[in-house]
Amino acid sequence: MKKVTLLGALMLLMPVLAQAQQSFSTPEKAADTLVTAISSHDQATLEQLLGEDWQGYFPPEGVDPQAVARFLRDWKVNHHIEQQNNTAHINVGDENWQLPIPLLKTDAGWHFDMATAADEILTRAIGRNELDAIEAMHAWVDAEQDYFQQKKMWAHKLISSEGQQDGLYWPAQPGEVPSPLGPAFSNTQPGEGYHGYHFRILSDESGSGVALIAWPVAWGQTGVMSFMVDMQDRVYQANLGEETENKAQAITQFTLDDSWQQVQP
């Protein structure tokens, strides 16, 4: 999944994108022009290629400059065009990573298809966030087990109260044993979430154990599937739809119905 993040999904929420203003006789010429413009920070050419909202894709407003540098490095290693009928894609690097901005052929020639790019970028971002959420849930199971070894009880909070160790994370002082969970689950801003997801500890079916639920901060934008995991490290997923926030908030116990399916390892 590292290559899926090469351009960092670029942006999750973008305005309506203007179509590219410049067309080319071949997709190869369009690709070469794009890479040259990125390498030379040619803003005028980028606007001609990608439309007036190109800043959402490349620095300074868009993706991390290091991600762009990796793209340019992989372009030098290897690049080719995959063409199918009137659509073409730019693939780079030894891992054949595909730029999420396709080329479309019209009567005027080949141009970058920004409308399709917006959908592809969002799809990739959602997929990455969902995988990150699952990995975070596995990390939570390990943290709960560590906490139980230390405290002989399960933690029912992710973040400890100030000055306490009643959650899985607390700031450790020099010489102290670190908390079982790192600070990543602690939001820097309310409602921000972690990799596009909210997390909350539940009680298990017996009422004496714990489980975890994760749901997207914005359904359809930061994620689609919601997840639950038990202390046997079994992850389940369900699409709670547009009412995801309300439905997830209403879940207080690890209980599965037909809508929840186990995620295969």
C-alpha atoms as a PDB file:
ATOM      1  CA  MET A   1       0.000   0.000   0.000  1.00  0.00           C
ATOM      2  CA  LYS A   2       2.974   2.359   0.143  1.00  0.00           C
ATOM      3  CA  LYS A   3       2.576   3.338  -3.475  1.00  0.00           C
ATOM      4  CA  VAL A   4      -1.084   4.170  -3.005  1.00  0.00           C
ATOM      5  CA  THR A   5       0.068   6.975  -0.724  1.00  0.00           C
ATOM      6  CA  LEU A   6       2.722   8.265  -3.122  1.00  0.00           C
ATOM      7  CA  LEU A   7       0.730  11.381  -3.861  1.00  0.00           C
ATOM      8  CA  GLY A   8      -0.943  11.178  -0.488  1.00  0.00           C
ATOM      9  CA  ALA A   9      -4.408  10.909  -2.125  1.00  0.00           C
ATOM     10  CA  LEU A  10      -3.646  14.563  -3.017  1.00  0.00           C
ATOM     11  CA  MET A  11      -6.874  15.969  -1.569  1.00  0.00           C
ATOM     12  CA  LEU A  12     -10.059  14.500  -0.142  1.00  0.00           C
ATOM     13  CA  LEU A  13     -12.326  17.438  -0.742  1.00  0.00           C
ATOM     14  CA  MET A  14     -11.832  19.394  -3.922  1.00  0.00           C
ATOM     15  CA  PRO A  15     -13.875  22.006  -5.753  1.00  0.00           C
ATOM     16  CA  VAL A  16     -15.282  21.207  -9.165  1.00  0.00           C
ATOM     17  CA  LEU A  17     -12.251  20.831 -11.361  1.00  0.00           C
ATOM     18  CA  ALA A  18     -11.851  22.662 -14.619  1.00  0.00           C
ATOM     19  CA  GLN A  19     -10.909  20.483 -17.557  1.00  0.00           C
ATOM     20  CA  ALA A  20      -7.383  20.654 -18.831  1.00  0.00           C
ATOM     21  CA  GLN A  21      -6.895  23.411 -21.332  1.00  0.00           C
ATOM     22  CA  GLN A  22      -4.085  21.822 -23.320  1.00  0.00           C
ATOM     23  CA  SER A  23      -4.304  18.729 -25.535  1.00  0.00           C
ATOM     24  CA  PHE A  24      -1.579  16.609 -27.147  1.00  0.00           C
ATOM     25  CA  SER A  25      -1.237  14.328 -30.133  1.00  0.00           C
ATOM     26  CA  THR A  26      -0.093  11.413 -27.920  1.00  0.00           C
ATOM     27  CA  PRO A  27      -0.427  10.564 -24.211  1.00  0.00           C
ATOM     28  CA  GLU A  28       3.368  10.267 -24.032  1.00  0.00           C
ATOM     29  CA  LYS A  29       3.758  13.947 -24.973  1.00  0.00           C
ATOM     30  CA  ALA A  30       1.207  14.931 -22.329  1.00  0.00           C
ATOM     31  CA  ALA A  31       3.039  12.883 -19.686  1.00  0.00           C
ATOM     32  CA  ASP A  32       6.424  14.350 -20.595  1.00  0.00           C
ATOM     33  CA  THR A  33       5.021  17.872 -20.420  1.00  0.00           C
ATOM     34  CA  LEU A  34       3.480  17.211 -17.007  1.00  0.00           C
ATOM     35  CA  VAL A  35       6.707  15.861 -15.514  1.00  0.00           C
ATOM     36  CA  THR A  36       8.727  18.740 -16.961  1.00  0.00           C
ATOM     37  CA  ALA A  37       6.276  21.261 -15.506  1.00  0.00           C
ATOM     38  CA  ILE A  38       6.380  19.603 -12.069  1.00  0.00           C
ATOM     39  CA  SER A  39      10.179  19.420 -12.107  1.00  0.00           C
ATOM     40  CA  SER A  40      10.563  23.086 -13.055  1.00  0.00           C
ATOM     41  CA  HIS A  41       7.672  24.360 -10.913  1.00  0.00           C
ATOM     42  CA  ASP A  42       6.115  25.800 -14.045  1.00  0.00           C
ATOM     43  CA  GLN A  43       2.821  27.068 -12.672  1.00  0.00           C
ATOM     44  CA  ALA A  44       1.502  28.391 -15.966  1.00  0.00           C
ATOM     45  CA  THR A  45       1.966  25.043 -17.712  1.00  0.00           C
ATOM     46  CA  LEU A  46       0.445  23.126 -14.795  1.00  0.00           C
ATOM     47  CA  GLU A  47      -2.636  25.301 -15.048  1.00  0.00           C
ATOM     48  CA  GLN A  48      -2.847  24.629 -18.777  1.00  0.00           C
ATOM     49  CA  LEU A  49      -2.529  20.890 -18.174  1.00  0.00           C
ATOM     50  CA  LEU A  50      -4.648  20.369 -15.057  1.00  0.00           C
ATOM     51  CA  GLY A  51      -6.902  23.395 -14.932  1.00  0.00           C
ATOM     52  CA  GLU A  52      -6.960  26.358 -12.601  1.00  0.00           C
ATOM     53  CA  ASP A  53      -7.253  24.148  -9.489  1.00  0.00           C
ATOM     54  CA  TRP A  54      -3.938  22.394 -10.101  1.00  0.00           C
ATOM     55  CA  GLN A  55      -2.614  23.737  -6.764  1.00  0.00           C
ATOM     56  CA  GLY A  56      -4.719  21.125  -5.012  1.00  0.00           C
ATOM     57  CA  TYR A  57      -2.495  18.441  -6.490  1.00  0.00           C
ATOM     58  CA  PHE A  58       1.004  19.758  -5.991  1.00  0.00           C
ATOM     59  CA  PRO A  59       2.867  22.001  -3.499  1.00  0.00           C
ATOM     60  CA  PRO A  60       2.569  24.333  -1.793  1.00  0.00           C
ATOM     61  CA  GLU A  61      -1.159  23.892  -1.118  1.00  0.00           C
ATOM     62  CA  GLY A  62      -1.452  20.255  -2.055  1.00  0.00           C
ATOM     63  CA  VAL A  63       0.588  17.134  -1.479  1.00  0.00           C
ATOM     64  CA  ASP A  64       3.774  16.889   0.583  1.00  0.00           C
ATOM     65  CA  PRO A  65       6.791  17.979  -1.506  1.00  0.00           C
ATOM     66  CA  GLN A  66       8.545  14.732  -0.556  1.00  0.00           C
ATOM     67  CA  ALA A  67       5.743  12.749  -2.190  1.00  0.00           C
ATOM     68  CA  VAL A  68       6.213  14.693  -5.409  1.00  0.00           C
ATOM     69  CA  ALA A  69       9.960  14.086  -5.179  1.00  0.00           C
ATOM     70  CA  ARG A  70       9.311  10.348  -4.919  1.00  0.00           C
ATOM     71  CA  PHE A  71       7.096  10.507  -8.007  1.00  0.00           C
ATOM     72  CA  LEU A  72       9.813  12.284  -9.990  1.00  0.00           C
ATOM     73  CA  ARG A  73      12.423   9.802  -8.751  1.00  0.00           C
ATOM     74  CA  ASP A  74      10.278   6.836  -9.783  1.00  0.00           C
ATOM     75  CA  TRP A  75       9.632   8.455 -13.158  1.00  0.00           C
ATOM     76  CA  LYS A  76      13.389   8.447 -13.772  1.00  0.00           C
ATOM     77  CA  VAL A  77      13.661   4.810 -12.715  1.00  0.00           C
ATOM     78  CA  ASN A  78      10.931   3.620 -15.053  1.00  0.00           C
ATOM     79  CA  HIS A  79       7.796   4.941 -16.684  1.00  0.00           C
ATOM     80  CA  HIS A  80       5.383   3.868 -19.379  1.00  0.00           C
ATOM     81  CA  ILE A  81       1.887   4.564 -20.656  1.00  0.00           C
ATOM     82  CA  GLU A  82      -0.893   2.003 -20.411  1.00  0.00           C
ATOM     83  CA  GLN A  83      -3.491   2.745 -23.073  1.00  0.00           C
ATOM     84  CA  GLN A  84      -6.910   1.200 -23.534  1.00  0.00           C
ATOM     85  CA  ASN A  85      -9.043   2.691 -26.286  1.00  0.00           C
ATOM     86  CA  ASN A  86      -9.435   6.407 -25.507  1.00  0.00           C
ATOM     87  CA  THR A  87      -8.033   6.267 -21.958  1.00  0.00           C
ATOM     88  CA  ALA A  88      -4.382   6.134 -20.900  1.00  0.00           C
ATOM     89  CA  HIS A  89      -2.599   5.988 -17.547  1.00  0.00           C
ATOM     90  CA  ILE A  90       0.916   6.947 -16.474  1.00  0.00           C
ATOM     91  CA  ASN A  91       2.755   4.203 -14.563  1.00  0.00           C
ATOM     92  CA  VAL A  92       6.061   4.835 -12.801  1.00  0.00           C
ATOM     93  CA  GLY A  93       8.745   3.035 -10.821  1.00  0.00           C
ATOM     94  CA  ASP A  94       9.689  -0.588 -10.333  1.00  0.00           C
ATOM     95  CA  GLU A  95       6.364  -1.224  -8.588  1.00  0.00           C
ATOM     96  CA  ASN A  96       4.419   0.130 -11.556  1.00  0.00           C
ATOM     97  CA  TRP A  97       2.514   2.717  -9.483  1.00  0.00           C
ATOM     98  CA  GLN A  98      -0.255   4.383 -11.472  1.00  0.00           C
ATOM     99  CA  LEU A  99      -0.845   8.132 -11.324  1.00  0.00           C
ATOM    100  CA  PRO A 100      -4.511   8.667 -10.385  1.00  0.00           C
ATOM    101  CA  ILE A 101      -4.920  11.275 -13.128  1.00  0.00           C
ATOM    102  CA  PRO A 102      -5.846   9.518 -16.391  1.00  0.00           C
ATOM    103  CA  LEU A 103      -5.544  10.897 -19.899  1.00  0.00           C
ATOM    104  CA  LEU A 104      -8.593  11.072 -22.146  1.00  0.00           C
ATOM    105  CA  LYS A 105      -8.629  11.251 -25.934  1.00  0.00           C
ATOM    106  CA  THR A 106     -11.097  13.598 -27.615  1.00  0.00           C
ATOM    107  CA  ASP A 107     -11.309  15.101 -31.068  1.00  0.00           C
ATOM    108  CA  ALA A 108      -8.866  17.777 -29.871  1.00  0.00           C
ATOM    109  CA  GLY A 109      -6.308  15.204 -28.694  1.00  0.00           C
ATOM    110  CA  TRP A 110      -5.177  13.808 -25.336  1.00  0.00           C
ATOM    111  CA  HIS A 111      -5.783  15.787 -22.130  1.00  0.00           C
ATOM    112  CA  PHE A 112      -5.783  15.056 -18.412  1.00  0.00           C
ATOM    113  CA  ASP A 113      -9.240  13.925 -17.249  1.00  0.00           C
ATOM    114  CA  MET A 114      -9.643  15.809 -13.984  1.00  0.00           C
ATOM    115  CA  ALA A 115     -13.237  14.758 -13.279  1.00  0.00           C
ATOM    116  CA  THR A 116     -12.262  11.081 -13.308  1.00  0.00           C
ATOM    117  CA  ALA A 117      -9.137  11.899 -11.310  1.00  0.00           C
ATOM    118  CA  ALA A 118     -11.213  13.357  -8.481  1.00  0.00           C
ATOM    119  CA  ASP A 119     -13.164  10.111  -8.125  1.00  0.00           C
ATOM    120  CA  GLU A 120     -10.043   7.953  -8.298  1.00  0.00           C
ATOM    121  CA  ILE A 121      -8.188  10.048  -5.731  1.00  0.00           C
ATOM    122  CA  LEU A 122     -11.122   9.837  -3.330  1.00  0.00           C
ATOM    123  CA  THR A 123     -11.420   6.068  -3.821  1.00  0.00           C
ATOM    124  CA  ARG A 124      -7.743   5.571  -3.085  1.00  0.00           C
ATOM    125  CA  ALA A 125      -7.889   7.799  -0.020  1.00  0.00           C
ATOM    126  CA  ILE A 126     -10.862   5.881   1.375  1.00  0.00           C
ATOM    127  CA  GLY A 127      -9.166   2.546   0.763  1.00  0.00           C
ATOM    128  CA  ARG A 128      -6.001   3.707   2.479  1.00  0.00           C
ATOM    129  CA  ASN A 129      -7.914   5.044   5.478  1.00  0.00           C
ATOM    130  CA  GLU A 130      -9.851   1.799   5.853  1.00  0.00           C
ATOM    131  CA  LEU A 131      -6.671  -0.276   5.836  1.00  0.00           C
ATOM    132  CA  ASP A 132      -5.098   2.096   8.358  1.00  0.00           C
ATOM    133  CA  ALA A 133      -8.159   1.751  10.587  1.00  0.00           C
ATOM    134  CA  ILE A 134      -7.880  -2.040  10.541  1.00  0.00           C
ATOM    135  CA  GLU A 135      -4.179  -1.861  11.403  1.00  0.00           C
ATOM    136  CA  ALA A 136      -4.986   0.522  14.249  1.00  0.00           C
ATOM    137  CA  MET A 137      -7.513  -1.958  15.616  1.00  0.00           C
ATOM    138  CA  HIS A 138      -4.907  -4.724  15.683  1.00  0.00           C
ATOM    139  CA  ALA A 139      -2.586  -2.339  17.529  1.00  0.00           C
ATOM    140  CA  TRP A 140      -5.382  -1.641  20.039  1.00  0.00           C
ATOM    141  CA  VAL A 141      -5.758  -5.370  20.799  1.00  0.00           C
ATOM    142  CA  ASP A 142      -2.037  -5.594  21.558  1.00  0.00           C
ATOM    143  CA  ALA A 143      -2.237  -2.475  23.733  1.00  0.00           C
ATOM    144  CA  GLU A 144      -5.175  -3.859  25.725  1.00  0.00           C
ATOM    145  CA  GLN A 145      -3.287  -7.075  26.364  1.00  0.00           C
ATOM    146  CA  ASP A 146      -0.253  -5.112  27.559  1.00  0.00           C
ATOM    147  CA  TYR A 147      -2.459  -2.981  29.795  1.00  0.00           C
ATOM    148  CA  PHE A 148      -4.041  -6.095  31.314  1.00  0.00           C
ATOM    149  CA  GLN A 149      -0.599  -7.492  32.093  1.00  0.00           C
ATOM    150  CA  GLN A 150       0.277  -4.272  33.916  1.00  0.00           C
ATOM    151  CA  LYS A 151      -3.006  -3.442  35.642  1.00  0.00           C
ATOM    152  CA  LYS A 152      -4.846  -6.810  35.818  1.00  0.00           C
ATOM    153  CA  MET A 153      -7.853  -5.140  34.224  1.00  0.00           C
ATOM    154  CA  TRP A 154      -9.009  -3.945  30.823  1.00  0.00           C
ATOM    155  CA  ALA A 155      -8.784  -0.288  29.844  1.00  0.00           C
ATOM    156  CA  HIS A 156     -12.126   1.288  28.970  1.00  0.00           C
ATOM    157  CA  LYS A 157     -10.582   4.516  27.672  1.00  0.00           C
ATOM    158  CA  LEU A 158      -8.138   5.196  24.877  1.00  0.00           C
ATOM    159  CA  ILE A 159      -6.614   8.312  26.446  1.00  0.00           C
ATOM    160  CA  SER A 160      -6.023   8.520  30.187  1.00  0.00           C
ATOM    161  CA  SER A 161      -7.406  11.312  32.320  1.00  0.00           C
ATOM    162  CA  GLU A 162      -4.834  13.966  33.127  1.00  0.00           C
ATOM    163  CA  GLY A 163      -2.358  12.641  35.657  1.00  0.00           C
ATOM    164  CA  GLN A 164      -3.920   9.162  35.590  1.00  0.00           C
ATOM    165  CA  GLN A 165      -3.251   5.821  33.939  1.00  0.00           C
ATOM    166  CA  ASP A 166      -6.865   4.866  33.428  1.00  0.00           C
ATOM    167  CA  GLY A 167      -6.575   4.652  29.634  1.00  0.00           C
ATOM    168  CA  LEU A 168      -4.249   3.032  27.140  1.00  0.00           C
ATOM    169  CA  TYR A 169      -2.168   6.160  26.607  1.00  0.00           C
ATOM    170  CA  TRP A 170      -0.594   8.511  29.122  1.00  0.00           C
ATOM    171  CA  PRO A 171       2.484  10.740  28.842  1.00  0.00           C
ATOM    172  CA  ALA A 172       5.361   8.767  30.360  1.00  0.00           C
ATOM    173  CA  GLN A 173       7.913  10.550  32.499  1.00  0.00           C
ATOM    174  CA  PRO A 174      11.643   9.767  32.180  1.00  0.00           C
ATOM    175  CA  GLY A 175      12.364   6.358  33.635  1.00  0.00           C
ATOM    176  CA  GLU A 176       8.708   5.296  33.588  1.00  0.00           C
ATOM    177  CA  VAL A 177       7.339   2.367  31.623  1.00  0.00           C
ATOM    178  CA  PRO A 178       5.723   3.768  28.450  1.00  0.00           C
ATOM    179  CA  SER A 179       1.993   3.478  28.009  1.00  0.00           C
ATOM    180  CA  PRO A 180       0.718   0.528  25.943  1.00  0.00           C
ATOM    181  CA  LEU A 181      -0.697   2.811  23.241  1.00  0.00           C
ATOM    182  CA  GLY A 182       1.016   5.732  21.572  1.00  0.00           C
ATOM    183  CA  PRO A 183      -0.471   9.247  21.383  1.00  0.00           C
ATOM    184  CA  ALA A 184      -1.724   8.912  17.792  1.00  0.00           C
ATOM    185  CA  PHE A 185      -5.318   8.227  18.866  1.00  0.00           C
ATOM    186  CA  SER A 186      -5.363  11.549  20.713  1.00  0.00           C
ATOM    187  CA  ASN A 187      -6.881  14.037  18.254  1.00  0.00           C
ATOM    188  CA  THR A 188      -5.072  17.319  17.861  1.00  0.00           C
ATOM    189  CA  GLN A 189      -8.429  18.915  17.076  1.00  0.00           C
ATOM    190  CA  PRO A 190     -11.909  17.811  18.174  1.00  0.00           C
ATOM    191  CA  GLY A 191     -13.646  15.728  15.521  1.00  0.00           C
ATOM    192  CA  GLU A 192     -10.485  15.303  13.469  1.00  0.00           C
ATOM    193  CA  GLY A 193     -10.167  11.562  14.009  1.00  0.00           C
ATOM    194  CA  TYR A 194      -7.229   9.304  13.244  1.00  0.00           C
ATOM    195  CA  HIS A 195      -6.620   8.604   9.544  1.00  0.00           C
ATOM    196  CA  GLY A 196     -10.208   9.632   8.854  1.00  0.00           C
ATOM    197  CA  TYR A 197     -11.745   7.445  11.585  1.00  0.00           C
ATOM    198  CA  HIS A 198     -13.189   7.766  15.067  1.00  0.00           C
ATOM    199  CA  PHE A 199     -12.534   5.017  17.632  1.00  0.00           C
ATOM    200  CA  ARG A 200     -14.363   4.065  20.829  1.00  0.00           C
ATOM    201  CA  ILE A 201     -13.991   1.207  23.298  1.00  0.00           C
ATOM    202  CA  LEU A 202     -17.049  -0.991  23.843  1.00  0.00           C
ATOM    203  CA  SER A 203     -17.897  -3.691  26.333  1.00  0.00           C
ATOM    204  CA  ASP A 204     -17.986  -7.212  24.970  1.00  0.00           C
ATOM    205  CA  GLU A 205     -21.040  -9.474  24.933  1.00  0.00           C
ATOM    206  CA  SER A 206     -20.316 -10.756  28.438  1.00  0.00           C
ATOM    207  CA  GLY A 207     -20.009  -7.246  29.827  1.00  0.00           C
ATOM    208  CA  SER A 208     -16.711  -8.094  31.502  1.00  0.00           C
ATOM    209  CA  GLY A 209     -14.375  -7.626  28.537  1.00  0.00           C
ATOM    210  CA  VAL A 210     -13.746  -4.983  25.899  1.00  0.00           C
ATOM    211  CA  ALA A 211     -13.984  -4.479  22.138  1.00  0.00           C
ATOM    212  CA  LEU A 212     -13.374  -1.544  19.805  1.00  0.00           C
ATOM    213  CA  ILE A 213     -15.471   0.177  17.154  1.00  0.00           C
ATOM    214  CA  ALA A 214     -14.181   2.456  14.400  1.00  0.00           C
ATOM    215  CA  TRP A 215     -16.282   4.516  12.007  1.00  0.00           C
ATOM    216  CA  PRO A 216     -15.454   7.148   9.361  1.00  0.00           C
ATOM    217  CA  VAL A 217     -15.353  10.797  10.359  1.00  0.00           C
ATOM    218  CA  ALA A 218     -17.259  11.597   7.160  1.00  0.00           C
ATOM    219  CA  TRP A 219     -18.990   8.644   5.507  1.00  0.00           C
ATOM    220  CA  GLY A 220     -18.211   8.478   1.790  1.00  0.00           C
ATOM    221  CA  GLN A 221     -15.344  10.956   2.116  1.00  0.00           C
ATOM    222  CA  THR A 222     -12.871   9.662   4.729  1.00  0.00           C
ATOM    223  CA  GLY A 223     -14.188   6.102   4.702  1.00  0.00           C
ATOM    224  CA  VAL A 224     -17.154   3.895   3.916  1.00  0.00           C
ATOM    225  CA  MET A 225     -16.904   0.798   6.095  1.00  0.00           C
ATOM    226  CA  SER A 226     -17.187   0.743   9.890  1.00  0.00           C
ATOM    227  CA  PHE A 227     -15.222  -1.836  11.882  1.00  0.00           C
ATOM    228  CA  MET A 228     -15.359  -3.695  15.183  1.00  0.00           C
ATOM    229  CA  VAL A 229     -12.681  -5.919  16.711  1.00  0.00           C
ATOM    230  CA  ASP A 230     -12.815  -8.313  19.680  1.00  0.00           C
ATOM    231  CA  MET A 231     -10.016  -9.393  21.989  1.00  0.00           C
ATOM    232  CA  GLN A 232      -9.393 -12.433  19.781  1.00  0.00           C
ATOM    233  CA  ASP A 233      -8.224  -9.887  17.184  1.00  0.00           C
ATOM    234  CA  ARG A 234     -11.101 -10.695  14.844  1.00  0.00           C
ATOM    235  CA  VAL A 235     -12.127  -7.670  12.803  1.00  0.00           C
ATOM    236  CA  TYR A 236     -15.643  -7.259  11.407  1.00  0.00           C
ATOM    237  CA  GLN A 237     -16.914  -4.676   8.954  1.00  0.00           C
ATOM    238  CA  ALA A 238     -20.247  -3.184   7.941  1.00  0.00           C
ATOM    239  CA  ASN A 239     -21.437  -0.348   5.739  1.00  0.00           C
ATOM    240  CA  LEU A 240     -23.709   1.689   8.002  1.00  0.00           C
ATOM    241  CA  GLY A 241     -24.572   4.109   5.208  1.00  0.00           C
ATOM    242  CA  GLU A 242     -25.363   7.789   5.450  1.00  0.00           C
ATOM    243  CA  GLU A 243     -26.495   7.360   9.073  1.00  0.00           C
ATOM    244  CA  THR A 244     -23.085   5.964  10.046  1.00  0.00           C
ATOM    245  CA  GLU A 245     -22.398   8.585  12.725  1.00  0.00           C
ATOM    246  CA  ASN A 246     -25.703   8.064  14.533  1.00  0.00           C
ATOM    247  CA  LYS A 247     -25.636   4.284  14.191  1.00  0.00           C
ATOM    248  CA  ALA A 248     -22.056   4.009  15.424  1.00  0.00           C
ATOM    249  CA  GLN A 249     -22.739   6.282  18.392  1.00  0.00           C
ATOM    250  CA  ALA A 250     -25.699   4.082  19.330  1.00  0.00           C
ATOM    251  CA  ILE A 251     -23.507   0.955  19.565  1.00  0.00           C
ATOM    252  CA  THR A 252     -22.334   0.461  23.132  1.00  0.00           C
ATOM    253  CA  GLN A 253     -21.662  -3.288  23.139  1.00  0.00           C
ATOM    254  CA  PHE A 254     -19.882  -5.666  20.807  1.00  0.00           C
ATOM    255  CA  THR A 255     -22.893  -7.313  19.192  1.00  0.00           C
ATOM    256  CA  LEU A 256     -22.930  -8.624  15.646  1.00  0.00           C
ATOM    257  CA  ASP A 257     -25.926  -8.874  13.341  1.00  0.00           C
ATOM    258  CA  ASP A 258     -26.112  -9.975   9.711  1.00  0.00           C
ATOM    259  CA  SER A 259     -24.740  -6.649   8.481  1.00  0.00           C
ATOM    260  CA  TRP A 260     -21.328  -7.342  10.049  1.00  0.00           C
ATOM    261  CA  GLN A 261     -18.936  -9.607   8.135  1.00  0.00           C
ATOM    262  CA  GLN A 262     -15.527 -10.771   9.270  1.00  0.00           C
ATOM    263  CA  VAL A 263     -12.549  -9.200   7.531  1.00  0.00           C
ATOM    264  CA  GLN A 264     -10.262 -11.937   6.313  1.00  0.00           C
ATOM    265  CA  PRO A 265      -6.637 -11.562   7.417  1.00  0.00           C
END
